Each structure stands twice: as structure tokens, then as C-alpha cells.
Amino acid sequence: MQRETTTTGHDELRRQSRLHSWAKYLQVFGTFARNSLIRDMTFRVDFIIQLISSTSFVIMNLGFYLLIYQYTNSIAGWSQFEFFVFIATTMLVNSMVQAFFMPNVQEFSELIRTGNLDFALLKPIDTQFLISLQKVSWPSLGNFGVALILLFYSLGHLSDGAPSWAGMLLYPVYVLAGASILYSVMIALAATSIWLGRNQSLYDFWFYITNFSRYPMGIYDGRWGTPMRQVFTFVIPILIVINVPAGILAKPLDPAYWKLALFAVAATVVSFWASRLVFQKALRSYRSASS
């Protein structure tokens, strides 16, 4: 009886320790975000220019598709406002990746070259967390607001009516899952800098493959398109990043997206686990600047 009580006490201590650890990491991230905002506000003109520039690009891209829909009723089975939900989802995912991860991952190879990675390794915090979230690009979140406006406007004009409650509840979950998959690919490619030094070509490869996620998977058909769809869905799960959340929201009656939604859960977990494995293995191969 005493042994069972002791075991229960140890389990409770471990649970409290994990909760304390999560709270500590959230507090650290809050500090990172606040410091980044202070830094951006120090150069307010630059902040405003970046905000206007990114927002203008999004609006011009939206105007391009408005022109296309003057000559067609659908693109790969997506009507105009269904496709605008797709575009809004793309903007939401990309703005999160560009705001939270891209500024940090871009500097990873520079940390290795200058030896500043040594200081990151010495800090009493998870190295991947520190390297991935130390800076926040607040101007990139301007697209997030534009995306929300476009999303709610498009949902109000869907021909099939309002989306299902299940779709609305699961949508933010799969948006976060999509951002997690893109981050996993990005950090895994960045980790190869430890082995290869400057790996700009591999980092550019991230942009090339993520371009596939910007379009509905229905366009990948035929002799060449079908193999590409299979590879970028089940091997490198880029196509599910946008198609799954946009599909369950804009096309709730299509069972194909609900089937992919189940696979997306596993793909997110495996992608993050694999990227974590690559990053940890790369760190074990790292030789400090003093060695």
C-alpha cells in the first residue's frame, strides 16, 4: 500500500514538472515575441514598409485569380469562393511560418559559421526551441489579418451554404498541423548545415517543394501529375498542408478530404518526429568553434 502511494506521488510530481516546463517555455516565447516587437518598433518606417509590401503582394495575387475566374467557373473543381478559402488558408499557414520560423531558420547556417551555435548549446533550454523561435517577424503577421477577412468573406458566399460545425472546429487544428509540417521540412533541411556548411541550395529546395502546396491537388493528374501527387502527399506530405484544412471547410461534402484528414494527423506527428531526429543527430555531429 505504501509502495502504491509512493508511486502515485512520483507520478504527480512528474506531471507537475511537465506542466511547469510547458509554462516556462511559453513564458520564454512571450519574452522572445515582446523583444522582437520592441526591435521592430524601433524602426517603425521599415516595419510599415514591410507590412505594406507583404500585404500588397497578397492583394495583387488575389487580383490575379479574380481575373482568372472571369473566364472559368472552377479551377480543378474549386469554385471561385471555394478557391478563395484555399487562398486564405495558404496565407494563414505561410504567414505563421514566415513570422515565427523563417527568420530564425535562415540564420542557422550563420550560427554554425560564426561559432555562435556554441552559446545556444550552453543555454539551459532546448536548443531546437531556442533556434526556431528566438525571433518573431511581426510584419509577416499582417497577412494573417488579411487572410481572416478573406476567409470569412468567402465562407459567406459559398454556394453550398455555411461549412459544417466539424469543419469549423477542425480547421484551426489542421492549419496548425500544416504549419508544423512546413516547419519540419524547413528545420530538417537547415540542420544539414552542420554537415554541409553552407547549404543554400538545399534551403532553396524548401521553397521549390512548398510551391506545390499553393495549388489544389486536383490539378496534379495524368501521366506526370498523378505520380507527383502521390509523392507530395504520402512521401513528402506537402499537398495536405493547405488542401486538407481548406477542403474540410470549403468542400465538407467531399469524402476525399476527410480521409486525408486522418492521414494528416499521422503525417504531422511523423514529420515533426523525423525533423527532430535529424536535428538531434546533426547536433551530435557538431564540433564547436573552439574544437
C-alpha atoms as a PDB file:
ATOM      1  CA  MET A   1       0.000   0.000   0.000  1.00  0.00           C
ATOM      2  CA  GLN A   2       2.852   2.339   0.880  1.00  0.00           C
ATOM      3  CA  ARG A   3       4.593   1.494  -2.412  1.00  0.00           C
ATOM      4  CA  GLU A   4       1.455   2.350  -4.387  1.00  0.00           C
ATOM      5  CA  THR A   5       1.147   5.674  -2.544  1.00  0.00           C
ATOM      6  CA  THR A   6       4.806   6.465  -3.274  1.00  0.00           C
ATOM      7  CA  THR A   7       4.357   5.632  -6.981  1.00  0.00           C
ATOM      8  CA  THR A   8       1.280   7.852  -7.195  1.00  0.00           C
ATOM      9  CA  GLY A   9       3.209  10.673  -5.553  1.00  0.00           C
ATOM     10  CA  HIS A  10       6.064  10.325  -8.038  1.00  0.00           C
ATOM     11  CA  ASP A  11       3.622  10.377 -10.965  1.00  0.00           C
ATOM     12  CA  GLU A  12       2.034  13.544  -9.622  1.00  0.00           C
ATOM     13  CA  LEU A  13       5.439  15.192  -9.250  1.00  0.00           C
ATOM     14  CA  ARG A  14       6.361  14.278 -12.821  1.00  0.00           C
ATOM     15  CA  ARG A  15       3.065  15.665 -14.082  1.00  0.00           C
ATOM     16  CA  GLN A  16       3.573  18.933 -12.227  1.00  0.00           C
ATOM     17  CA  SER A  17       7.138  19.113 -13.521  1.00  0.00           C
ATOM     18  CA  ARG A  18       5.920  18.764 -17.124  1.00  0.00           C
ATOM     19  CA  LEU A  19       3.282  21.449 -16.598  1.00  0.00           C
ATOM     20  CA  HIS A  20       5.888  23.752 -15.093  1.00  0.00           C
ATOM     21  CA  SER A  21       8.191  23.073 -18.051  1.00  0.00           C
ATOM     22  CA  TRP A  22       5.467  23.954 -20.576  1.00  0.00           C
ATOM     23  CA  ALA A  23       4.630  27.130 -18.661  1.00  0.00           C
ATOM     24  CA  LYS A  24       8.301  28.069 -18.608  1.00  0.00           C
ATOM     25  CA  TYR A  25       8.649  27.619 -22.370  1.00  0.00           C
ATOM     26  CA  LEU A  26       5.537  29.710 -23.001  1.00  0.00           C
ATOM     27  CA  GLN A  27       6.959  32.425 -20.791  1.00  0.00           C
ATOM     28  CA  VAL A  28      10.266  32.344 -22.684  1.00  0.00           C
ATOM     29  CA  PHE A  29       8.462  32.537 -26.027  1.00  0.00           C
ATOM     30  CA  GLY A  30       6.471  35.511 -24.735  1.00  0.00           C
ATOM     31  CA  THR A  31       9.758  37.233 -23.940  1.00  0.00           C
ATOM     32  CA  PHE A  32      11.070  36.486 -27.433  1.00  0.00           C
ATOM     33  CA  ALA A  33       7.899  37.891 -29.020  1.00  0.00           C
ATOM     34  CA  ARG A  34       7.968  41.030 -26.878  1.00  0.00           C
ATOM     35  CA  ASN A  35      11.645  41.712 -27.614  1.00  0.00           C
ATOM     36  CA  SER A  36      11.040  41.216 -31.333  1.00  0.00           C
ATOM     37  CA  LEU A  37       8.148  43.673 -31.266  1.00  0.00           C
ATOM     38  CA  ILE A  38      10.291  46.239 -29.457  1.00  0.00           C
ATOM     39  CA  ARG A  39      13.026  45.776 -32.059  1.00  0.00           C
ATOM     40  CA  ASP A  40      10.566  46.153 -34.949  1.00  0.00           C
ATOM     41  CA  MET A  41       9.003  49.239 -33.387  1.00  0.00           C
ATOM     42  CA  THR A  42      12.436  50.824 -33.056  1.00  0.00           C
ATOM     43  CA  PHE A  43      12.470  51.074 -36.861  1.00  0.00           C
ATOM     44  CA  ARG A  44       8.824  51.914 -37.427  1.00  0.00           C
ATOM     45  CA  VAL A  45       9.171  53.146 -41.008  1.00  0.00           C
ATOM     46  CA  ASP A  46      10.805  49.875 -42.014  1.00  0.00           C
ATOM     47  CA  PHE A  47       8.083  47.971 -40.151  1.00  0.00           C
ATOM     48  CA  ILE A  48       5.331  49.843 -42.023  1.00  0.00           C
ATOM     49  CA  ILE A  49       7.077  49.391 -45.385  1.00  0.00           C
ATOM     50  CA  GLN A  50       7.403  45.637 -44.814  1.00  0.00           C
ATOM     51  CA  LEU A  51       3.761  45.453 -43.766  1.00  0.00           C
ATOM     52  CA  ILE A  52       2.556  47.352 -46.844  1.00  0.00           C
ATOM     53  CA  SER A  53       4.837  45.376 -49.148  1.00  0.00           C
ATOM     54  CA  SER A  54       3.673  41.943 -47.974  1.00  0.00           C
ATOM     55  CA  THR A  55       0.015  42.991 -47.946  1.00  0.00           C
ATOM     56  CA  SER A  56       0.272  44.479 -51.437  1.00  0.00           C
ATOM     57  CA  PHE A  57       1.717  41.262 -52.809  1.00  0.00           C
ATOM     58  CA  VAL A  58      -1.181  39.294 -51.339  1.00  0.00           C
ATOM     59  CA  ILE A  59      -3.759  41.672 -52.821  1.00  0.00           C
ATOM     60  CA  MET A  60      -2.116  41.525 -56.252  1.00  0.00           C
ATOM     61  CA  ASN A  61      -2.088  37.727 -56.083  1.00  0.00           C
ATOM     62  CA  LEU A  62      -5.787  37.772 -55.219  1.00  0.00           C
ATOM     63  CA  GLY A  63      -6.454  40.111 -58.141  1.00  0.00           C
ATOM     64  CA  PHE A  64      -4.750  37.641 -60.468  1.00  0.00           C
ATOM     65  CA  TYR A  65      -7.216  34.906 -59.521  1.00  0.00           C
ATOM     66  CA  LEU A  66     -10.139  37.308 -59.815  1.00  0.00           C
ATOM     67  CA  LEU A  67      -9.094  37.791 -63.442  1.00  0.00           C
ATOM     68  CA  ILE A  68      -8.877  34.039 -63.997  1.00  0.00           C
ATOM     69  CA  TYR A  69     -12.396  33.472 -62.672  1.00  0.00           C
ATOM     70  CA  GLN A  70     -13.737  35.883 -65.241  1.00  0.00           C
ATOM     71  CA  TYR A  71     -13.013  33.172 -67.824  1.00  0.00           C
ATOM     72  CA  THR A  72     -13.827  29.992 -65.891  1.00  0.00           C
ATOM     73  CA  ASN A  73     -16.219  28.782 -63.204  1.00  0.00           C
ATOM     74  CA  SER A  74     -13.790  26.473 -61.410  1.00  0.00           C
ATOM     75  CA  ILE A  75     -10.168  25.500 -61.054  1.00  0.00           C
ATOM     76  CA  ALA A  76      -9.688  21.763 -60.525  1.00  0.00           C
ATOM     77  CA  GLY A  77     -13.238  21.543 -59.157  1.00  0.00           C
ATOM     78  CA  TRP A  78     -12.929  24.586 -56.880  1.00  0.00           C
ATOM     79  CA  SER A  79     -15.458  27.359 -57.486  1.00  0.00           C
ATOM     80  CA  GLN A  80     -14.404  30.973 -57.026  1.00  0.00           C
ATOM     81  CA  PHE A  81     -15.207  31.379 -53.340  1.00  0.00           C
ATOM     82  CA  GLU A  82     -14.099  27.837 -52.520  1.00  0.00           C
ATOM     83  CA  PHE A  83     -10.756  28.697 -54.065  1.00  0.00           C
ATOM     84  CA  PHE A  84     -10.634  31.948 -52.105  1.00  0.00           C
ATOM     85  CA  VAL A  85     -10.962  29.834 -48.935  1.00  0.00           C
ATOM     86  CA  PHE A  86      -7.996  27.879 -50.274  1.00  0.00           C
ATOM     87  CA  ILE A  87      -6.018  31.101 -50.844  1.00  0.00           C
ATOM     88  CA  ALA A  88      -6.918  32.400 -47.375  1.00  0.00           C
ATOM     89  CA  THR A  89      -5.699  29.126 -45.853  1.00  0.00           C
ATOM     90  CA  THR A  90      -2.447  29.410 -47.796  1.00  0.00           C
ATOM     91  CA  MET A  91      -1.975  32.930 -46.441  1.00  0.00           C
ATOM     92  CA  LEU A  92      -2.694  31.848 -42.857  1.00  0.00           C
ATOM     93  CA  VAL A  93      -0.202  28.981 -42.913  1.00  0.00           C
ATOM     94  CA  ASN A  94       2.515  30.907 -44.743  1.00  0.00           C
ATOM     95  CA  SER A  95       2.198  33.970 -42.517  1.00  0.00           C
ATOM     96  CA  MET A  96       2.730  31.828 -39.405  1.00  0.00           C
ATOM     97  CA  VAL A  97       5.751  30.101 -40.929  1.00  0.00           C
ATOM     98  CA  GLN A  98       7.237  33.400 -42.122  1.00  0.00           C
ATOM     99  CA  ALA A  99       6.599  35.146 -38.809  1.00  0.00           C
ATOM    100  CA  PHE A 100       7.757  32.516 -36.322  1.00  0.00           C
ATOM    101  CA  PHE A 101      10.186  30.161 -38.063  1.00  0.00           C
ATOM    102  CA  MET A 102      11.707  31.582 -41.228  1.00  0.00           C
ATOM    103  CA  PRO A 103      13.701  34.467 -39.646  1.00  0.00           C
ATOM    104  CA  ASN A 104      15.344  32.001 -37.279  1.00  0.00           C
ATOM    105  CA  VAL A 105      15.988  29.071 -39.589  1.00  0.00           C
ATOM    106  CA  GLN A 106      17.557  31.370 -42.185  1.00  0.00           C
ATOM    107  CA  GLU A 107      20.270  32.290 -39.677  1.00  0.00           C
ATOM    108  CA  PHE A 108      21.097  28.743 -38.602  1.00  0.00           C
ATOM    109  CA  SER A 109      23.963  28.254 -41.057  1.00  0.00           C
ATOM    110  CA  GLU A 110      25.370  31.627 -39.973  1.00  0.00           C
ATOM    111  CA  LEU A 111      25.315  30.499 -36.338  1.00  0.00           C
ATOM    112  CA  ILE A 112      27.397  27.497 -37.340  1.00  0.00           C
ATOM    113  CA  ARG A 113      29.824  29.518 -39.467  1.00  0.00           C
ATOM    114  CA  THR A 114      30.472  32.130 -36.769  1.00  0.00           C
ATOM    115  CA  GLY A 115      30.523  29.655 -33.885  1.00  0.00           C
ATOM    116  CA  ASN A 116      27.583  31.346 -32.141  1.00  0.00           C
ATOM    117  CA  LEU A 117      25.817  27.990 -32.023  1.00  0.00           C
ATOM    118  CA  ASP A 118      28.105  27.255 -29.059  1.00  0.00           C
ATOM    119  CA  PHE A 119      26.275  29.873 -26.982  1.00  0.00           C
ATOM    120  CA  ALA A 120      22.885  28.396 -27.928  1.00  0.00           C
ATOM    121  CA  LEU A 121      24.030  24.952 -26.809  1.00  0.00           C
ATOM    122  CA  LEU A 122      25.142  26.302 -23.432  1.00  0.00           C
ATOM    123  CA  LYS A 123      21.770  27.817 -22.564  1.00  0.00           C
ATOM    124  CA  PRO A 124      19.515  25.808 -20.180  1.00  0.00           C
ATOM    125  CA  ILE A 125      16.744  25.408 -22.734  1.00  0.00           C
ATOM    126  CA  ASP A 126      16.001  23.094 -25.622  1.00  0.00           C
ATOM    127  CA  THR A 127      18.300  24.103 -28.496  1.00  0.00           C
ATOM    128  CA  GLN A 128      15.758  23.479 -31.248  1.00  0.00           C
ATOM    129  CA  PHE A 129      13.191  25.615 -29.441  1.00  0.00           C
ATOM    130  CA  LEU A 130      15.704  28.427 -28.997  1.00  0.00           C
ATOM    131  CA  ILE A 131      16.918  28.377 -32.589  1.00  0.00           C
ATOM    132  CA  SER A 132      13.416  28.079 -34.071  1.00  0.00           C
ATOM    133  CA  LEU A 133      11.582  30.787 -32.101  1.00  0.00           C
ATOM    134  CA  GLN A 134      14.123  33.325 -30.888  1.00  0.00           C
ATOM    135  CA  LYS A 135      12.892  35.990 -33.318  1.00  0.00           C
ATOM    136  CA  VAL A 136       9.376  36.868 -34.456  1.00  0.00           C
ATOM    137  CA  SER A 137       8.790  38.795 -37.679  1.00  0.00           C
ATOM    138  CA  TRP A 138       5.758  40.864 -36.722  1.00  0.00           C
ATOM    139  CA  PRO A 139       5.276  42.459 -40.186  1.00  0.00           C
ATOM    140  CA  SER A 140       4.654  38.987 -41.636  1.00  0.00           C
ATOM    141  CA  LEU A 141       1.567  38.672 -39.430  1.00  0.00           C
ATOM    142  CA  GLY A 142      -0.091  41.456 -41.422  1.00  0.00           C
ATOM    143  CA  ASN A 143      -1.079  38.843 -43.996  1.00  0.00           C
ATOM    144  CA  PHE A 144      -2.754  36.893 -41.202  1.00  0.00           C
ATOM    145  CA  GLY A 145      -5.335  39.642 -40.736  1.00  0.00           C
ATOM    146  CA  VAL A 146      -5.954  39.948 -44.488  1.00  0.00           C
ATOM    147  CA  ALA A 147      -6.372  36.178 -44.672  1.00  0.00           C
ATOM    148  CA  LEU A 148      -9.006  36.156 -41.931  1.00  0.00           C
ATOM    149  CA  ILE A 149     -11.017  38.870 -43.696  1.00  0.00           C
ATOM    150  CA  LEU A 150     -10.856  36.960 -46.995  1.00  0.00           C
ATOM    151  CA  LEU A 151     -11.737  33.691 -45.242  1.00  0.00           C
ATOM    152  CA  PHE A 152     -14.896  34.961 -43.535  1.00  0.00           C
ATOM    153  CA  TYR A 153     -15.993  36.845 -46.645  1.00  0.00           C
ATOM    154  CA  SER A 154     -15.569  33.736 -48.815  1.00  0.00           C
ATOM    155  CA  LEU A 155     -17.371  31.477 -46.342  1.00  0.00           C
ATOM    156  CA  GLY A 156     -20.378  33.770 -46.517  1.00  0.00           C
ATOM    157  CA  HIS A 157     -20.574  33.342 -50.300  1.00  0.00           C
ATOM    158  CA  LEU A 158     -20.153  29.584 -50.650  1.00  0.00           C
ATOM    159  CA  SER A 159     -22.720  28.063 -52.980  1.00  0.00           C
ATOM    160  CA  ASP A 160     -23.295  25.079 -50.651  1.00  0.00           C
ATOM    161  CA  GLY A 161     -24.012  27.320 -47.689  1.00  0.00           C
ATOM    162  CA  ALA A 162     -22.194  27.533 -44.376  1.00  0.00           C
ATOM    163  CA  PRO A 163     -19.493  24.945 -43.594  1.00  0.00           C
ATOM    164  CA  SER A 164     -20.173  22.158 -41.120  1.00  0.00           C
ATOM    165  CA  TRP A 165     -19.519  22.587 -37.407  1.00  0.00           C
ATOM    166  CA  ALA A 166     -16.984  19.783 -37.578  1.00  0.00           C
ATOM    167  CA  GLY A 167     -15.137  21.582 -40.359  1.00  0.00           C
ATOM    168  CA  MET A 168     -15.054  24.858 -38.441  1.00  0.00           C
ATOM    169  CA  LEU A 169     -13.788  23.173 -35.272  1.00  0.00           C
ATOM    170  CA  LEU A 170     -11.119  21.139 -37.060  1.00  0.00           C
ATOM    171  CA  TYR A 171      -9.994  23.917 -39.398  1.00  0.00           C
ATOM    172  CA  PRO A 172      -7.656  25.753 -36.957  1.00  0.00           C
ATOM    173  CA  VAL A 173      -6.228  22.412 -35.837  1.00  0.00           C
ATOM    174  CA  TYR A 174      -5.260  21.474 -39.391  1.00  0.00           C
ATOM    175  CA  VAL A 175      -3.943  24.973 -40.117  1.00  0.00           C
ATOM    176  CA  LEU A 176      -1.546  24.499 -37.206  1.00  0.00           C
ATOM    177  CA  ALA A 177      -0.761  20.994 -38.446  1.00  0.00           C
ATOM    178  CA  GLY A 178       0.062  22.384 -41.893  1.00  0.00           C
ATOM    179  CA  ALA A 179       2.395  24.988 -40.406  1.00  0.00           C
ATOM    180  CA  SER A 180       4.034  22.234 -38.352  1.00  0.00           C
ATOM    181  CA  ILE A 181       4.697  20.133 -41.473  1.00  0.00           C
ATOM    182  CA  LEU A 182       6.274  23.076 -43.310  1.00  0.00           C
ATOM    183  CA  TYR A 183       8.392  23.861 -40.252  1.00  0.00           C
ATOM    184  CA  SER A 184       9.508  20.243 -40.005  1.00  0.00           C
ATOM    185  CA  VAL A 185      10.733  20.217 -43.596  1.00  0.00           C
ATOM    186  CA  MET A 186      12.447  23.580 -43.094  1.00  0.00           C
ATOM    187  CA  ILE A 187      14.288  22.713 -39.872  1.00  0.00           C
ATOM    188  CA  ALA A 188      15.391  19.314 -41.208  1.00  0.00           C
ATOM    189  CA  LEU A 189      16.926  20.949 -44.287  1.00  0.00           C
ATOM    190  CA  ALA A 190      18.521  23.673 -42.150  1.00  0.00           C
ATOM    191  CA  ALA A 191      20.073  21.054 -39.836  1.00  0.00           C
ATOM    192  CA  THR A 192      22.102  19.686 -42.742  1.00  0.00           C
ATOM    193  CA  SER A 193      24.187  22.896 -42.496  1.00  0.00           C
ATOM    194  CA  ILE A 194      26.135  21.177 -39.729  1.00  0.00           C
ATOM    195  CA  TRP A 195      27.299  18.526 -42.177  1.00  0.00           C
ATOM    196  CA  LEU A 196      27.478  20.593 -45.371  1.00  0.00           C
ATOM    197  CA  GLY A 197      28.431  24.052 -44.153  1.00  0.00           C
ATOM    198  CA  ARG A 198      26.528  26.479 -46.338  1.00  0.00           C
ATOM    199  CA  ASN A 199      23.570  24.602 -47.806  1.00  0.00           C
ATOM    200  CA  GLN A 200      21.800  27.423 -49.626  1.00  0.00           C
ATOM    201  CA  SER A 201      20.803  25.082 -52.459  1.00  0.00           C
ATOM    202  CA  LEU A 202      19.026  22.742 -50.035  1.00  0.00           C
ATOM    203  CA  TYR A 203      17.337  25.674 -48.340  1.00  0.00           C
ATOM    204  CA  ASP A 204      16.140  26.878 -51.753  1.00  0.00           C
ATOM    205  CA  PHE A 205      14.780  23.363 -52.262  1.00  0.00           C
ATOM    206  CA  TRP A 206      12.334  24.090 -49.441  1.00  0.00           C
ATOM    207  CA  PHE A 207      10.830  26.936 -51.456  1.00  0.00           C
ATOM    208  CA  TYR A 208      10.611  24.772 -54.570  1.00  0.00           C
ATOM    209  CA  ILE A 209       8.730  21.918 -52.937  1.00  0.00           C
ATOM    210  CA  THR A 210       6.434  24.167 -50.898  1.00  0.00           C
ATOM    211  CA  ASN A 211       5.257  25.767 -54.142  1.00  0.00           C
ATOM    212  CA  PHE A 212       3.337  22.539 -54.742  1.00  0.00           C
ATOM    213  CA  SER A 213       1.199  23.254 -51.665  1.00  0.00           C
ATOM    214  CA  ARG A 214      -0.119  26.505 -53.167  1.00  0.00           C
ATOM    215  CA  TYR A 215      -2.416  24.736 -55.616  1.00  0.00           C
ATOM    216  CA  PRO A 216      -5.298  22.233 -55.268  1.00  0.00           C
ATOM    217  CA  MET A 217      -4.120  18.659 -55.528  1.00  0.00           C
ATOM    218  CA  GLY A 218      -6.744  18.071 -58.221  1.00  0.00           C
ATOM    219  CA  ILE A 219      -4.523  19.779 -60.798  1.00  0.00           C
ATOM    220  CA  TYR A 220      -1.900  17.058 -60.374  1.00  0.00           C
ATOM    221  CA  ASP A 221      -3.389  14.484 -62.689  1.00  0.00           C
ATOM    222  CA  GLY A 222      -2.439  12.480 -65.723  1.00  0.00           C
ATOM    223  CA  ARG A 223       0.806  10.787 -66.665  1.00  0.00           C
ATOM    224  CA  TRP A 224       3.082  13.182 -64.810  1.00  0.00           C
ATOM    225  CA  GLY A 225       0.702  14.760 -62.346  1.00  0.00           C
ATOM    226  CA  THR A 226      -0.511  11.599 -60.608  1.00  0.00           C
ATOM    227  CA  PRO A 227       2.966  10.405 -59.526  1.00  0.00           C
ATOM    228  CA  MET A 228       3.750  13.914 -58.297  1.00  0.00           C
ATOM    229  CA  ARG A 229       0.533  13.949 -56.283  1.00  0.00           C
ATOM    230  CA  GLN A 230       1.365  10.608 -54.681  1.00  0.00           C
ATOM    231  CA  VAL A 231       4.918  11.647 -53.779  1.00  0.00           C
ATOM    232  CA  PHE A 232       3.975  15.039 -52.358  1.00  0.00           C
ATOM    233  CA  THR A 233       1.071  13.596 -50.410  1.00  0.00           C
ATOM    234  CA  PHE A 234       2.404  10.368 -48.914  1.00  0.00           C
ATOM    235  CA  VAL A 235       6.223  10.723 -49.042  1.00  0.00           C
ATOM    236  CA  ILE A 236       6.766  14.440 -48.526  1.00  0.00           C
ATOM    237  CA  PRO A 237       3.300  15.480 -47.267  1.00  0.00           C
ATOM    238  CA  ILE A 238       3.304  18.988 -48.734  1.00  0.00           C
ATOM    239  CA  LEU A 239      -0.008  18.798 -50.588  1.00  0.00           C
ATOM    240  CA  ILE A 240      -2.026  18.099 -47.446  1.00  0.00           C
ATOM    241  CA  VAL A 241      -0.748  21.289 -45.775  1.00  0.00           C
ATOM    242  CA  ILE A 242      -3.368  23.506 -47.460  1.00  0.00           C
ATOM    243  CA  ASN A 243      -5.694  21.047 -49.178  1.00  0.00           C
ATOM    244  CA  VAL A 244      -6.894  19.342 -46.002  1.00  0.00           C
ATOM    245  CA  PRO A 245      -7.943  22.381 -43.907  1.00  0.00           C
ATOM    246  CA  ALA A 246      -9.325  24.226 -46.948  1.00  0.00           C
ATOM    247  CA  GLY A 247     -11.130  21.104 -48.189  1.00  0.00           C
ATOM    248  CA  ILE A 248     -12.907  20.217 -44.942  1.00  0.00           C
ATOM    249  CA  LEU A 249     -14.062  23.839 -44.635  1.00  0.00           C
ATOM    250  CA  ALA A 250     -14.990  24.771 -48.212  1.00  0.00           C
ATOM    251  CA  LYS A 251     -15.966  21.304 -49.531  1.00  0.00           C
ATOM    252  CA  PRO A 252     -17.407  19.486 -46.494  1.00  0.00           C
ATOM    253  CA  LEU A 253     -19.387  17.010 -48.636  1.00  0.00           C
ATOM    254  CA  ASP A 254     -16.272  15.672 -50.378  1.00  0.00           C
ATOM    255  CA  PRO A 255     -15.206  12.478 -48.515  1.00  0.00           C
ATOM    256  CA  ALA A 256     -11.716  12.600 -50.053  1.00  0.00           C
ATOM    257  CA  TYR A 257     -10.659  15.462 -47.781  1.00  0.00           C
ATOM    258  CA  TRP A 258     -11.988  13.765 -44.657  1.00  0.00           C
ATOM    259  CA  LYS A 259      -9.988  10.633 -45.493  1.00  0.00           C
ATOM    260  CA  LEU A 260      -6.883  12.764 -45.994  1.00  0.00           C
ATOM    261  CA  ALA A 261      -7.603  14.463 -42.668  1.00  0.00           C
ATOM    262  CA  LEU A 262      -6.951  11.178 -40.855  1.00  0.00           C
ATOM    263  CA  PHE A 263      -3.680  10.730 -42.719  1.00  0.00           C
ATOM    264  CA  ALA A 264      -2.720  14.361 -41.980  1.00  0.00           C
ATOM    265  CA  VAL A 265      -2.664  13.655 -38.246  1.00  0.00           C
ATOM    266  CA  ALA A 266      -0.143  10.841 -38.697  1.00  0.00           C
ATOM    267  CA  ALA A 267       1.821  12.874 -41.260  1.00  0.00           C
ATOM    268  CA  THR A 268       2.154  15.791 -38.835  1.00  0.00           C
ATOM    269  CA  VAL A 269       3.399  13.601 -35.992  1.00  0.00           C
ATOM    270  CA  VAL A 270       5.843  11.671 -38.202  1.00  0.00           C
ATOM    271  CA  SER A 271       7.135  14.833 -39.881  1.00  0.00           C
ATOM    272  CA  PHE A 272       7.847  16.555 -36.589  1.00  0.00           C
ATOM    273  CA  TRP A 273       9.399  13.415 -35.091  1.00  0.00           C
ATOM    274  CA  ALA A 274      11.621  12.879 -38.168  1.00  0.00           C
ATOM    275  CA  SER A 275      12.758  16.512 -38.219  1.00  0.00           C
ATOM    276  CA  ARG A 276      13.522  16.331 -34.503  1.00  0.00           C
ATOM    277  CA  LEU A 277      15.558  13.183 -35.106  1.00  0.00           C
ATOM    278  CA  VAL A 278      17.542  14.819 -37.923  1.00  0.00           C
ATOM    279  CA  PHE A 279      18.169  17.938 -35.847  1.00  0.00           C
ATOM    280  CA  GLN A 280      19.372  15.983 -32.803  1.00  0.00           C
ATOM    281  CA  LYS A 281      21.623  13.798 -34.951  1.00  0.00           C
ATOM    282  CA  ALA A 282      23.080  16.872 -36.609  1.00  0.00           C
ATOM    283  CA  LEU A 283      23.806  18.479 -33.234  1.00  0.00           C
ATOM    284  CA  ARG A 284      25.680  15.350 -32.128  1.00  0.00           C
ATOM    285  CA  SER A 285      27.907  15.805 -35.182  1.00  0.00           C
ATOM    286  CA  TYR A 286      28.591  19.457 -34.433  1.00  0.00           C
ATOM    287  CA  ARG A 287      32.107  20.470 -33.477  1.00  0.00           C
ATOM    288  CA  SER A 288      32.261  23.722 -31.563  1.00  0.00           C
ATOM    289  CA  ALA A 289      34.235  26.720 -32.787  1.00  0.00           C
ATOM    290  CA  SER A 290      36.811  26.109 -30.031  1.00  0.00           C
ATOM    291  CA  SER A 291      37.499  22.493 -31.034  1.00  0.00           C
END
